[in-house]
Amino acid sequence: MKKIVKKLKTNAGFTLAETLMTVLILLMVAGVVAEGLPSAVTAYSKAVDAANAQVLLSTTVNALRGELSTARDVHFTGSDVIYISSATGSKTKIYKGKTDDNRDTIMIQDFLKYDESGPQDADNNKPRSLVSKGAVTNNLQIVYGNVKWHDSGKTILNFHNITVIKENSILASIDDLYIRCLNLKDDTSAESGD
């Protein structure tokens, strides 16, 4: 019985003051973490947007090169590039347009099929983005400033100011992209696009 009474009289455990101090310290640490968390999330979001913008820019450059390096009869209408695609045999247009969800982007449209007898009316081919919707993540937009011939022989296209934008902020850009058109004839049939 004396052992039980002795155990009851020991002061093992935490006092109310110690418990309150521990809770106060935990609240201060939680406050500091809560203050820094939005900043960390914002920094992470910006890093992800920058990485996605670089991927979109690279994908767009590859798509433009794929479309135009073997194109025939390249000419311009304003800032639109008109050509005959070697892959599809279609008269095709690359231009600055808007997607279904109203974002600015580089669009492509096949509008005439060509064969030996000349141009044929194509089905109503709807315009599509140059790059897939999967490549355009987080509401990124890709546009170019203008396009023109780089040299007097009219064999190298110069896309100026290809830019990836999100909410009016430039995330990635290329000042000048040069694409050599391999299937052009050495004549003056291609018009200037200044």
N, C-alpha and C. Protein backbone atom coordinates (compact mmCIF):
# COMPACT_ATOMS: atom_id res chain seq x y z
N MET A 1 0.80 -1.18 0.00
CA MET A 1 0.00 0.00 0.00
C MET A 1 0.86 1.27 0.00
N LYS A 2 1.98 1.21 0.66
CA LYS A 2 2.88 2.36 0.69
C LYS A 2 3.42 2.66 -0.70
N LYS A 3 3.64 1.61 -1.51
CA LYS A 3 4.15 1.82 -2.87
C LYS A 3 3.13 2.57 -3.72
N ILE A 4 1.87 2.23 -3.56
CA ILE A 4 0.82 2.90 -4.34
C ILE A 4 0.73 4.36 -3.94
N VAL A 5 0.79 4.67 -2.69
CA VAL A 5 0.72 6.05 -2.21
C VAL A 5 1.93 6.82 -2.70
N LYS A 6 3.11 6.17 -2.71
CA LYS A 6 4.32 6.82 -3.17
C LYS A 6 4.21 7.17 -4.66
N LYS A 7 3.65 6.26 -5.45
CA LYS A 7 3.49 6.52 -6.88
C LYS A 7 2.53 7.67 -7.12
N LEU A 8 1.50 7.78 -6.35
CA LEU A 8 0.54 8.86 -6.53
C LEU A 8 1.16 10.22 -6.19
N LYS A 9 2.13 10.23 -5.32
CA LYS A 9 2.74 11.49 -4.90
C LYS A 9 3.85 11.96 -5.85
N THR A 10 4.30 11.15 -6.80
CA THR A 10 5.37 11.58 -7.73
C THR A 10 4.82 12.61 -8.69
N ASN A 11 5.67 13.49 -9.15
CA ASN A 11 5.28 14.58 -10.05
C ASN A 11 5.68 14.29 -11.50
N ALA A 12 5.61 13.06 -11.91
CA ALA A 12 5.95 12.72 -13.29
C ALA A 12 4.84 13.23 -14.21
N GLY A 13 5.22 13.72 -15.46
CA GLY A 13 4.25 14.24 -16.41
C GLY A 13 4.53 15.69 -16.71
N PHE A 14 3.61 16.32 -17.45
CA PHE A 14 3.80 17.71 -17.86
C PHE A 14 2.87 18.60 -17.06
N THR A 15 3.37 19.76 -16.76
CA THR A 15 2.53 20.73 -16.07
C THR A 15 1.71 21.47 -17.12
N LEU A 16 0.73 22.19 -16.69
CA LEU A 16 -0.12 22.96 -17.58
C LEU A 16 0.70 24.02 -18.32
N ALA A 17 1.63 24.64 -17.65
CA ALA A 17 2.48 25.66 -18.28
C ALA A 17 3.33 25.05 -19.38
N GLU A 18 3.92 23.88 -19.15
CA GLU A 18 4.73 23.20 -20.17
C GLU A 18 3.88 22.84 -21.39
N THR A 19 2.70 22.34 -21.15
CA THR A 19 1.80 21.96 -22.25
C THR A 19 1.42 23.19 -23.08
N LEU A 20 1.08 24.30 -22.41
CA LEU A 20 0.72 25.52 -23.11
C LEU A 20 1.90 26.07 -23.93
N MET A 21 3.11 26.00 -23.39
CA MET A 21 4.29 26.46 -24.13
C MET A 21 4.52 25.59 -25.38
N THR A 22 4.32 24.29 -25.27
CA THR A 22 4.49 23.40 -26.42
C THR A 22 3.47 23.71 -27.50
N VAL A 23 2.22 23.93 -27.10
CA VAL A 23 1.18 24.27 -28.06
C VAL A 23 1.50 25.61 -28.73
N LEU A 24 1.98 26.58 -27.96
CA LEU A 24 2.33 27.89 -28.50
C LEU A 24 3.47 27.77 -29.53
N ILE A 25 4.47 26.99 -29.23
CA ILE A 25 5.59 26.78 -30.17
C ILE A 25 5.09 26.10 -31.43
N LEU A 26 4.23 25.08 -31.31
CA LEU A 26 3.68 24.40 -32.49
C LEU A 26 2.85 25.35 -33.34
N LEU A 27 2.09 26.23 -32.72
CA LEU A 27 1.30 27.21 -33.47
C LEU A 27 2.20 28.19 -34.24
N MET A 28 3.30 28.61 -33.62
CA MET A 28 4.22 29.51 -34.32
C MET A 28 4.87 28.82 -35.51
N VAL A 29 5.28 27.57 -35.36
CA VAL A 29 5.87 26.81 -36.48
C VAL A 29 4.83 26.62 -37.59
N ALA A 30 3.60 26.29 -37.23
CA ALA A 30 2.53 26.12 -38.22
C ALA A 30 2.27 27.44 -38.95
N GLY A 31 2.33 28.56 -38.27
CA GLY A 31 2.14 29.86 -38.90
C GLY A 31 3.22 30.17 -39.93
N VAL A 32 4.47 29.86 -39.58
CA VAL A 32 5.58 30.08 -40.52
C VAL A 32 5.41 29.20 -41.75
N VAL A 33 5.05 27.93 -41.55
CA VAL A 33 4.84 27.02 -42.69
C VAL A 33 3.67 27.50 -43.54
N ALA A 34 2.59 27.94 -42.90
CA ALA A 34 1.43 28.41 -43.64
C ALA A 34 1.76 29.67 -44.45
N GLU A 35 2.63 30.53 -43.94
CA GLU A 35 3.04 31.73 -44.67
C GLU A 35 3.85 31.36 -45.91
N GLY A 36 4.73 30.38 -45.81
CA GLY A 36 5.63 30.02 -46.91
C GLY A 36 5.01 29.10 -47.93
N LEU A 37 3.97 28.40 -47.59
CA LEU A 37 3.38 27.42 -48.49
C LEU A 37 2.85 28.04 -49.79
N PRO A 38 2.09 29.13 -49.75
CA PRO A 38 1.63 29.72 -51.02
C PRO A 38 2.80 30.16 -51.91
N SER A 39 3.85 30.68 -51.32
CA SER A 39 5.02 31.08 -52.11
C SER A 39 5.67 29.87 -52.77
N ALA A 40 5.75 28.78 -52.05
CA ALA A 40 6.34 27.56 -52.61
C ALA A 40 5.47 27.02 -53.74
N VAL A 41 4.16 27.05 -53.55
CA VAL A 41 3.25 26.57 -54.60
C VAL A 41 3.35 27.46 -55.84
N THR A 42 3.43 28.77 -55.66
CA THR A 42 3.57 29.69 -56.79
C THR A 42 4.88 29.46 -57.53
N ALA A 43 5.96 29.29 -56.80
CA ALA A 43 7.26 29.03 -57.42
C ALA A 43 7.24 27.72 -58.20
N TYR A 44 6.62 26.71 -57.62
CA TYR A 44 6.51 25.42 -58.31
C TYR A 44 5.68 25.55 -59.58
N SER A 45 4.56 26.28 -59.50
CA SER A 45 3.70 26.48 -60.66
C SER A 45 4.44 27.21 -61.78
N LYS A 46 5.23 28.23 -61.43
CA LYS A 46 6.01 28.96 -62.43
C LYS A 46 7.06 28.07 -63.08
N ALA A 47 7.69 27.22 -62.30
CA ALA A 47 8.69 26.30 -62.84
C ALA A 47 8.05 25.30 -63.80
N VAL A 48 6.88 24.80 -63.45
CA VAL A 48 6.16 23.85 -64.32
C VAL A 48 5.74 24.56 -65.61
N ASP A 49 5.21 25.79 -65.52
CA ASP A 49 4.83 26.54 -66.71
C ASP A 49 6.03 26.79 -67.63
N ALA A 50 7.17 27.14 -67.04
CA ALA A 50 8.37 27.39 -67.85
C ALA A 50 8.82 26.12 -68.57
N ALA A 51 8.78 25.00 -67.89
CA ALA A 51 9.15 23.72 -68.51
C ALA A 51 8.17 23.35 -69.62
N ASN A 52 6.87 23.50 -69.37
CA ASN A 52 5.85 23.22 -70.39
C ASN A 52 6.00 24.15 -71.59
N ALA A 53 6.35 25.41 -71.34
CA ALA A 53 6.53 26.37 -72.43
C ALA A 53 7.71 25.96 -73.31
N GLN A 54 8.79 25.50 -72.72
CA GLN A 54 9.95 25.06 -73.51
C GLN A 54 9.59 23.84 -74.36
N VAL A 55 8.83 22.91 -73.79
CA VAL A 55 8.41 21.73 -74.54
C VAL A 55 7.49 22.14 -75.69
N LEU A 56 6.54 23.04 -75.44
CA LEU A 56 5.64 23.51 -76.48
C LEU A 56 6.40 24.23 -77.59
N LEU A 57 7.37 25.05 -77.22
CA LEU A 57 8.16 25.76 -78.22
C LEU A 57 8.94 24.78 -79.09
N SER A 58 9.55 23.80 -78.47
CA SER A 58 10.31 22.78 -79.21
C SER A 58 9.39 21.97 -80.12
N THR A 59 8.23 21.59 -79.63
CA THR A 59 7.26 20.83 -80.42
C THR A 59 6.78 21.65 -81.62
N THR A 60 6.55 22.93 -81.41
CA THR A 60 6.10 23.81 -82.50
C THR A 60 7.18 23.96 -83.56
N VAL A 61 8.42 24.16 -83.14
CA VAL A 61 9.53 24.29 -84.09
C VAL A 61 9.64 23.02 -84.93
N ASN A 62 9.57 21.86 -84.29
CA ASN A 62 9.64 20.60 -85.03
C ASN A 62 8.47 20.44 -85.99
N ALA A 63 7.27 20.84 -85.57
CA ALA A 63 6.09 20.73 -86.44
C ALA A 63 6.21 21.66 -87.65
N LEU A 64 6.68 22.89 -87.42
CA LEU A 64 6.86 23.82 -88.54
C LEU A 64 7.90 23.29 -89.53
N ARG A 65 9.00 22.78 -89.01
CA ARG A 65 10.03 22.22 -89.89
C ARG A 65 9.48 21.02 -90.66
N GLY A 66 8.72 20.17 -89.98
CA GLY A 66 8.15 19.01 -90.64
C GLY A 66 7.18 19.39 -91.74
N GLU A 67 6.39 20.43 -91.50
CA GLU A 67 5.41 20.87 -92.50
C GLU A 67 6.06 21.57 -93.68
N LEU A 68 7.05 22.42 -93.41
CA LEU A 68 7.52 23.35 -94.45
C LEU A 68 8.82 22.96 -95.13
N SER A 69 9.62 22.09 -94.55
CA SER A 69 10.93 21.81 -95.16
C SER A 69 10.78 21.12 -96.52
N THR A 70 9.73 20.34 -96.72
CA THR A 70 9.53 19.67 -98.01
C THR A 70 8.32 20.22 -98.77
N ALA A 71 7.85 21.38 -98.37
CA ALA A 71 6.67 21.98 -99.01
C ALA A 71 7.01 22.49 -100.41
N ARG A 72 5.98 22.58 -101.26
CA ARG A 72 6.12 23.13 -102.62
C ARG A 72 5.26 24.37 -102.74
N ASP A 73 5.60 25.21 -103.70
CA ASP A 73 4.81 26.40 -104.04
C ASP A 73 4.49 27.26 -102.81
N VAL A 74 5.49 27.55 -102.03
CA VAL A 74 5.30 28.34 -100.81
C VAL A 74 5.13 29.82 -101.18
N HIS A 75 4.10 30.43 -100.64
CA HIS A 75 3.91 31.87 -100.77
C HIS A 75 3.14 32.39 -99.56
N PHE A 76 2.93 33.69 -99.52
CA PHE A 76 2.34 34.32 -98.35
C PHE A 76 1.09 35.09 -98.73
N THR A 77 0.19 35.18 -97.79
CA THR A 77 -0.93 36.10 -97.84
C THR A 77 -0.93 36.80 -96.49
N GLY A 78 -0.38 37.98 -96.43
CA GLY A 78 -0.19 38.64 -95.14
C GLY A 78 0.79 37.85 -94.32
N SER A 79 0.37 37.42 -93.12
CA SER A 79 1.24 36.61 -92.28
C SER A 79 0.89 35.12 -92.37
N ASP A 80 0.02 34.76 -93.33
CA ASP A 80 -0.34 33.36 -93.54
C ASP A 80 0.64 32.75 -94.55
N VAL A 81 1.02 31.49 -94.31
CA VAL A 81 1.89 30.78 -95.24
C VAL A 81 1.03 29.77 -95.99
N ILE A 82 1.03 29.84 -97.32
CA ILE A 82 0.27 28.93 -98.17
C ILE A 82 1.27 28.05 -98.91
N TYR A 83 1.02 26.75 -98.96
CA TYR A 83 1.95 25.83 -99.62
C TYR A 83 1.22 24.55 -99.97
N ILE A 84 1.88 23.72 -100.77
CA ILE A 84 1.37 22.38 -101.04
C ILE A 84 2.19 21.41 -100.22
N SER A 85 1.52 20.67 -99.37
CA SER A 85 2.18 19.72 -98.48
C SER A 85 2.65 18.50 -99.26
N SER A 86 3.92 18.16 -99.09
CA SER A 86 4.45 16.96 -99.74
C SER A 86 3.85 15.70 -99.13
N ALA A 87 3.49 15.76 -97.87
CA ALA A 87 2.97 14.57 -97.19
C ALA A 87 1.55 14.24 -97.64
N THR A 88 0.70 15.25 -97.79
CA THR A 88 -0.71 14.99 -98.10
C THR A 88 -1.11 15.39 -99.52
N GLY A 89 -0.27 16.18 -100.20
CA GLY A 89 -0.63 16.67 -101.52
C GLY A 89 -1.70 17.74 -101.46
N SER A 90 -1.97 18.28 -100.30
CA SER A 90 -3.02 19.28 -100.12
C SER A 90 -2.44 20.68 -100.14
N LYS A 91 -3.23 21.61 -100.67
CA LYS A 91 -2.89 23.01 -100.50
C LYS A 91 -3.21 23.33 -99.04
N THR A 92 -2.24 23.90 -98.36
CA THR A 92 -2.34 24.03 -96.90
C THR A 92 -1.99 25.45 -96.49
N LYS A 93 -2.58 25.88 -95.38
CA LYS A 93 -2.32 27.21 -94.86
C LYS A 93 -1.91 27.11 -93.40
N ILE A 94 -0.84 27.81 -93.04
CA ILE A 94 -0.45 27.98 -91.64
C ILE A 94 -0.71 29.44 -91.31
N TYR A 95 -1.41 29.67 -90.20
CA TYR A 95 -1.77 31.04 -89.85
C TYR A 95 -1.96 31.19 -88.35
N LYS A 96 -2.04 32.44 -87.91
CA LYS A 96 -2.32 32.74 -86.51
C LYS A 96 -3.83 32.75 -86.33
N GLY A 97 -4.34 31.90 -85.46
CA GLY A 97 -5.78 31.82 -85.27
C GLY A 97 -6.13 31.55 -83.82
N LYS A 98 -7.36 31.12 -83.61
CA LYS A 98 -7.84 30.84 -82.25
C LYS A 98 -8.36 29.41 -82.19
N THR A 99 -8.11 28.76 -81.06
CA THR A 99 -8.61 27.41 -80.83
C THR A 99 -10.08 27.48 -80.45
N ASP A 100 -10.69 26.30 -80.29
CA ASP A 100 -12.10 26.24 -79.90
C ASP A 100 -12.35 26.93 -78.57
N ASP A 101 -11.36 26.89 -77.67
CA ASP A 101 -11.53 27.56 -76.38
C ASP A 101 -10.96 28.98 -76.39
N ASN A 102 -10.86 29.58 -77.60
CA ASN A 102 -10.54 30.99 -77.79
C ASN A 102 -9.13 31.39 -77.34
N ARG A 103 -8.16 30.47 -77.51
CA ARG A 103 -6.76 30.81 -77.22
C ARG A 103 -6.03 31.05 -78.54
N ASP A 104 -5.13 32.03 -78.55
CA ASP A 104 -4.32 32.28 -79.73
C ASP A 104 -3.33 31.14 -79.93
N THR A 105 -3.17 30.72 -81.17
CA THR A 105 -2.23 29.64 -81.46
C THR A 105 -1.90 29.65 -82.95
N ILE A 106 -0.95 28.83 -83.34
CA ILE A 106 -0.62 28.64 -84.75
C ILE A 106 -1.52 27.54 -85.28
N MET A 107 -2.30 27.86 -86.32
CA MET A 107 -3.28 26.94 -86.88
C MET A 107 -2.79 26.43 -88.23
N ILE A 108 -3.37 25.30 -88.65
CA ILE A 108 -3.07 24.72 -89.95
C ILE A 108 -4.38 24.25 -90.55
N GLN A 109 -4.51 24.41 -91.87
CA GLN A 109 -5.73 23.98 -92.53
C GLN A 109 -5.41 23.51 -93.95
N ASP A 110 -5.86 22.29 -94.27
CA ASP A 110 -5.80 21.78 -95.64
C ASP A 110 -7.10 22.20 -96.30
N PHE A 111 -7.01 22.87 -97.46
CA PHE A 111 -8.27 23.29 -98.06
C PHE A 111 -8.44 22.89 -99.52
N LEU A 112 -7.40 22.41 -100.20
CA LEU A 112 -7.58 21.89 -101.55
C LEU A 112 -6.72 20.65 -101.72
N LYS A 113 -7.27 19.62 -102.33
CA LYS A 113 -6.50 18.43 -102.68
C LYS A 113 -5.96 18.62 -104.09
N TYR A 114 -4.73 18.16 -104.32
CA TYR A 114 -4.12 18.27 -105.65
C TYR A 114 -3.89 16.87 -106.20
N ASP A 115 -4.10 16.72 -107.49
CA ASP A 115 -3.69 15.50 -108.19
C ASP A 115 -3.24 15.92 -109.59
N GLU A 116 -3.07 14.97 -110.48
CA GLU A 116 -2.55 15.29 -111.82
C GLU A 116 -3.44 16.27 -112.57
N SER A 117 -4.75 16.24 -112.32
CA SER A 117 -5.67 17.11 -113.05
C SER A 117 -5.75 18.51 -112.46
N GLY A 118 -5.06 18.74 -111.36
CA GLY A 118 -5.09 20.07 -110.76
C GLY A 118 -5.85 20.08 -109.45
N PRO A 119 -6.17 21.26 -108.95
CA PRO A 119 -6.82 21.35 -107.64
C PRO A 119 -8.24 20.81 -107.66
N GLN A 120 -8.60 20.12 -106.63
CA GLN A 120 -9.95 19.59 -106.44
C GLN A 120 -10.51 20.17 -105.14
N ASP A 121 -11.82 20.41 -105.14
CA ASP A 121 -12.42 20.87 -103.89
C ASP A 121 -12.29 19.78 -102.84
N ALA A 122 -11.81 20.17 -101.69
CA ALA A 122 -11.67 19.22 -100.59
C ALA A 122 -12.94 19.26 -99.75
N ASP A 123 -13.12 18.24 -98.95
CA ASP A 123 -14.21 18.28 -97.98
C ASP A 123 -13.94 19.47 -97.07
N ASN A 124 -14.94 19.87 -96.35
CA ASN A 124 -14.76 20.99 -95.44
C ASN A 124 -13.80 20.62 -94.33
N ASN A 125 -12.53 20.71 -94.60
CA ASN A 125 -11.52 20.38 -93.59
C ASN A 125 -11.44 21.51 -92.58
N LYS A 126 -11.68 21.17 -91.34
CA LYS A 126 -11.66 22.17 -90.29
C LYS A 126 -10.22 22.52 -89.94
N PRO A 127 -9.96 23.77 -89.59
CA PRO A 127 -8.63 24.13 -89.11
C PRO A 127 -8.31 23.38 -87.83
N ARG A 128 -7.05 23.14 -87.60
CA ARG A 128 -6.60 22.47 -86.38
C ARG A 128 -5.34 23.16 -85.89
N SER A 129 -5.03 22.97 -84.62
CA SER A 129 -3.80 23.52 -84.07
C SER A 129 -2.62 22.81 -84.68
N LEU A 130 -1.54 23.54 -84.90
CA LEU A 130 -0.32 22.95 -85.44
C LEU A 130 0.20 21.87 -84.51
N VAL A 131 0.09 22.10 -83.21
CA VAL A 131 0.47 21.10 -82.22
C VAL A 131 -0.78 20.61 -81.51
N SER A 132 -0.75 19.40 -81.01
CA SER A 132 -1.94 18.79 -80.41
C SER A 132 -2.35 19.51 -79.12
N LYS A 133 -3.59 19.30 -78.73
CA LYS A 133 -4.08 19.89 -77.48
C LYS A 133 -3.28 19.40 -76.28
N GLY A 134 -2.79 18.17 -76.35
CA GLY A 134 -1.99 17.63 -75.26
C GLY A 134 -0.70 18.39 -75.05
N ALA A 135 -0.15 18.95 -76.14
CA ALA A 135 1.09 19.71 -76.03
C ALA A 135 0.86 21.11 -75.48
N VAL A 136 -0.37 21.59 -75.62
CA VAL A 136 -0.70 22.93 -75.13
C VAL A 136 -1.35 22.79 -73.77
N THR A 137 -0.55 22.71 -72.73
CA THR A 137 -1.08 22.50 -71.39
C THR A 137 -1.14 23.82 -70.62
N ASN A 138 -1.92 23.83 -69.58
CA ASN A 138 -2.02 24.96 -68.65
C ASN A 138 -2.32 26.30 -69.35
N ASN A 139 -3.19 26.27 -70.35
CA ASN A 139 -3.61 27.50 -71.05
C ASN A 139 -2.47 28.28 -71.69
N LEU A 140 -1.45 27.57 -72.16
CA LEU A 140 -0.37 28.23 -72.88
C LEU A 140 -0.84 28.56 -74.29
N GLN A 141 -0.28 29.61 -74.86
CA GLN A 141 -0.60 30.02 -76.23
C GLN A 141 0.71 30.17 -76.99
N ILE A 142 0.71 29.78 -78.28
CA ILE A 142 1.91 29.91 -79.10
C ILE A 142 1.55 30.70 -80.35
N VAL A 143 2.30 31.76 -80.61
CA VAL A 143 2.06 32.62 -81.76
C VAL A 143 3.40 33.01 -82.40
N TYR A 144 3.32 33.59 -83.59
CA TYR A 144 4.51 34.16 -84.21
C TYR A 144 4.21 35.58 -84.66
N GLY A 145 5.27 36.37 -84.79
CA GLY A 145 5.08 37.76 -85.20
C GLY A 145 4.80 37.88 -86.68
N ASN A 146 5.74 37.44 -87.52
CA ASN A 146 5.54 37.45 -88.96
C ASN A 146 6.44 36.41 -89.60
N VAL A 147 6.26 36.23 -90.89
CA VAL A 147 7.07 35.28 -91.65
C VAL A 147 7.42 35.93 -92.98
N LYS A 148 8.64 35.70 -93.44
CA LYS A 148 9.09 36.27 -94.72
C LYS A 148 10.23 35.42 -95.26
N TRP A 149 10.63 35.71 -96.49
CA TRP A 149 11.79 35.04 -97.07
C TRP A 149 13.04 35.65 -96.47
N HIS A 150 14.02 34.80 -96.18
CA HIS A 150 15.26 35.28 -95.59
C HIS A 150 16.24 35.79 -96.64
N ASP A 151 16.32 35.14 -97.76
CA ASP A 151 17.31 35.53 -98.77
C ASP A 151 16.64 35.82 -100.10
N SER A 152 17.42 36.39 -101.04
CA SER A 152 16.84 36.77 -102.33
C SER A 152 16.45 35.56 -103.18
N GLY A 153 17.03 34.38 -102.92
CA GLY A 153 16.67 33.18 -103.67
C GLY A 153 15.36 32.58 -103.23
N LYS A 154 14.78 33.10 -102.16
CA LYS A 154 13.50 32.63 -101.64
C LYS A 154 13.48 31.13 -101.39
N THR A 155 14.46 30.66 -100.63
CA THR A 155 14.49 29.25 -100.27
C THR A 155 14.45 29.04 -98.76
N ILE A 156 14.66 30.10 -97.99
CA ILE A 156 14.68 29.97 -96.53
C ILE A 156 13.59 30.86 -95.94
N LEU A 157 12.65 30.22 -95.24
CA LEU A 157 11.60 30.96 -94.54
C LEU A 157 12.14 31.45 -93.20
N ASN A 158 11.74 32.64 -92.82
CA ASN A 158 12.14 33.20 -91.54
C ASN A 158 10.88 33.52 -90.74
N PHE A 159 10.60 32.70 -89.71
CA PHE A 159 9.53 33.00 -88.77
C PHE A 159 10.14 33.86 -87.68
N HIS A 160 9.58 35.04 -87.50
CA HIS A 160 10.12 35.97 -86.52
C HIS A 160 9.25 35.98 -85.26
N ASN A 161 9.92 35.92 -84.12
CA ASN A 161 9.28 36.08 -82.82
C ASN A 161 8.22 35.01 -82.54
N ILE A 162 8.62 33.75 -82.51
CA ILE A 162 7.74 32.67 -82.07
C ILE A 162 7.74 32.70 -80.55
N THR A 163 6.56 32.83 -79.97
CA THR A 163 6.46 33.11 -78.54
C THR A 163 5.41 32.23 -77.86
N VAL A 164 5.75 31.74 -76.67
CA VAL A 164 4.79 31.03 -75.82
C VAL A 164 4.35 32.00 -74.74
N ILE A 165 3.03 32.18 -74.64
CA ILE A 165 2.46 33.17 -73.72
C ILE A 165 1.48 32.49 -72.77
N LYS A 166 1.43 32.98 -71.55
CA LYS A 166 0.38 32.59 -70.61
C LYS A 166 -0.05 33.86 -69.87
N GLU A 167 -1.32 34.20 -70.01
CA GLU A 167 -1.88 35.37 -69.34
C GLU A 167 -1.02 36.61 -69.56
N ASN A 168 -0.68 36.88 -70.80
CA ASN A 168 0.10 38.06 -71.22
C ASN A 168 1.54 38.08 -70.71
N SER A 169 2.04 36.97 -70.19
CA SER A 169 3.44 36.86 -69.80
C SER A 169 4.16 35.95 -70.79
N ILE A 170 5.30 36.39 -71.27
CA ILE A 170 6.09 35.57 -72.19
C ILE A 170 6.89 34.57 -71.38
N LEU A 171 6.69 33.28 -71.68
CA LEU A 171 7.38 32.22 -70.95
C LEU A 171 8.58 31.67 -71.73
N ALA A 172 8.50 31.67 -73.05
CA ALA A 172 9.60 31.18 -73.89
C ALA A 172 9.45 31.80 -75.27
N SER A 173 10.57 32.02 -75.95
CA SER A 173 10.47 32.59 -77.30
C SER A 173 11.73 32.30 -78.09
N ILE A 174 11.57 32.39 -79.41
CA ILE A 174 12.68 32.32 -80.35
C ILE A 174 12.55 33.56 -81.22
N ASP A 175 13.63 34.33 -81.33
CA ASP A 175 13.58 35.55 -82.14
C ASP A 175 13.39 35.21 -83.62
N ASP A 176 14.18 34.28 -84.14
CA ASP A 176 14.11 33.93 -85.56
C ASP A 176 14.27 32.43 -85.73
N LEU A 177 13.36 31.84 -86.49
CA LEU A 177 13.44 30.43 -86.87
C LEU A 177 13.58 30.38 -88.38
N TYR A 178 14.63 29.73 -88.85
CA TYR A 178 14.88 29.61 -90.28
C TYR A 178 14.58 28.18 -90.72
N ILE A 179 13.80 28.06 -91.78
CA ILE A 179 13.46 26.75 -92.33
C ILE A 179 13.78 26.76 -93.82
N ARG A 180 14.66 25.87 -94.23
CA ARG A 180 15.00 25.76 -95.65
C ARG A 180 13.96 24.90 -96.34
N CYS A 181 13.37 25.44 -97.37
CA CYS A 181 12.37 24.71 -98.17
C CYS A 181 13.11 23.98 -99.28
N LEU A 182 13.10 22.67 -99.25
CA LEU A 182 13.92 21.86 -100.15
C LEU A 182 13.29 21.65 -101.51
N ASN A 183 11.97 21.72 -101.64
CA ASN A 183 11.30 21.39 -102.90
C ASN A 183 10.94 22.60 -103.75
N LEU A 184 11.48 23.76 -103.44
CA LEU A 184 11.13 24.95 -104.22
C LEU A 184 11.92 24.98 -105.51
N LYS A 185 11.27 25.47 -106.56
CA LYS A 185 11.96 25.66 -107.84
C LYS A 185 12.76 26.95 -107.75
N ASP A 186 13.78 27.05 -108.55
CA ASP A 186 14.61 28.25 -108.54
C ASP A 186 14.01 29.30 -109.50
N ASP A 187 12.82 29.75 -109.17
CA ASP A 187 12.21 30.79 -110.01
C ASP A 187 11.53 31.81 -109.13
N THR A 188 10.81 32.71 -109.72
CA THR A 188 10.18 33.77 -108.96
C THR A 188 8.70 33.54 -108.74
N SER A 189 8.26 32.28 -108.78
CA SER A 189 6.82 32.00 -108.62
C SER A 189 6.36 32.21 -107.18
N ALA A 190 7.28 32.12 -106.22
CA ALA A 190 6.90 32.36 -104.83
C ALA A 190 6.90 33.85 -104.57
N GLU A 191 5.84 34.32 -103.95
CA GLU A 191 5.67 35.75 -103.72
C GLU A 191 6.33 36.15 -102.42
N SER A 192 6.66 37.40 -102.33
CA SER A 192 7.27 37.92 -101.11
C SER A 192 6.19 38.17 -100.07
N GLY A 193 6.54 37.97 -98.80
CA GLY A 193 5.56 38.15 -97.74
C GLY A 193 5.93 39.20 -96.75
N ASP A 194 6.41 40.33 -97.18
CA ASP A 194 6.79 41.36 -96.22
C ASP A 194 5.60 42.08 -95.69
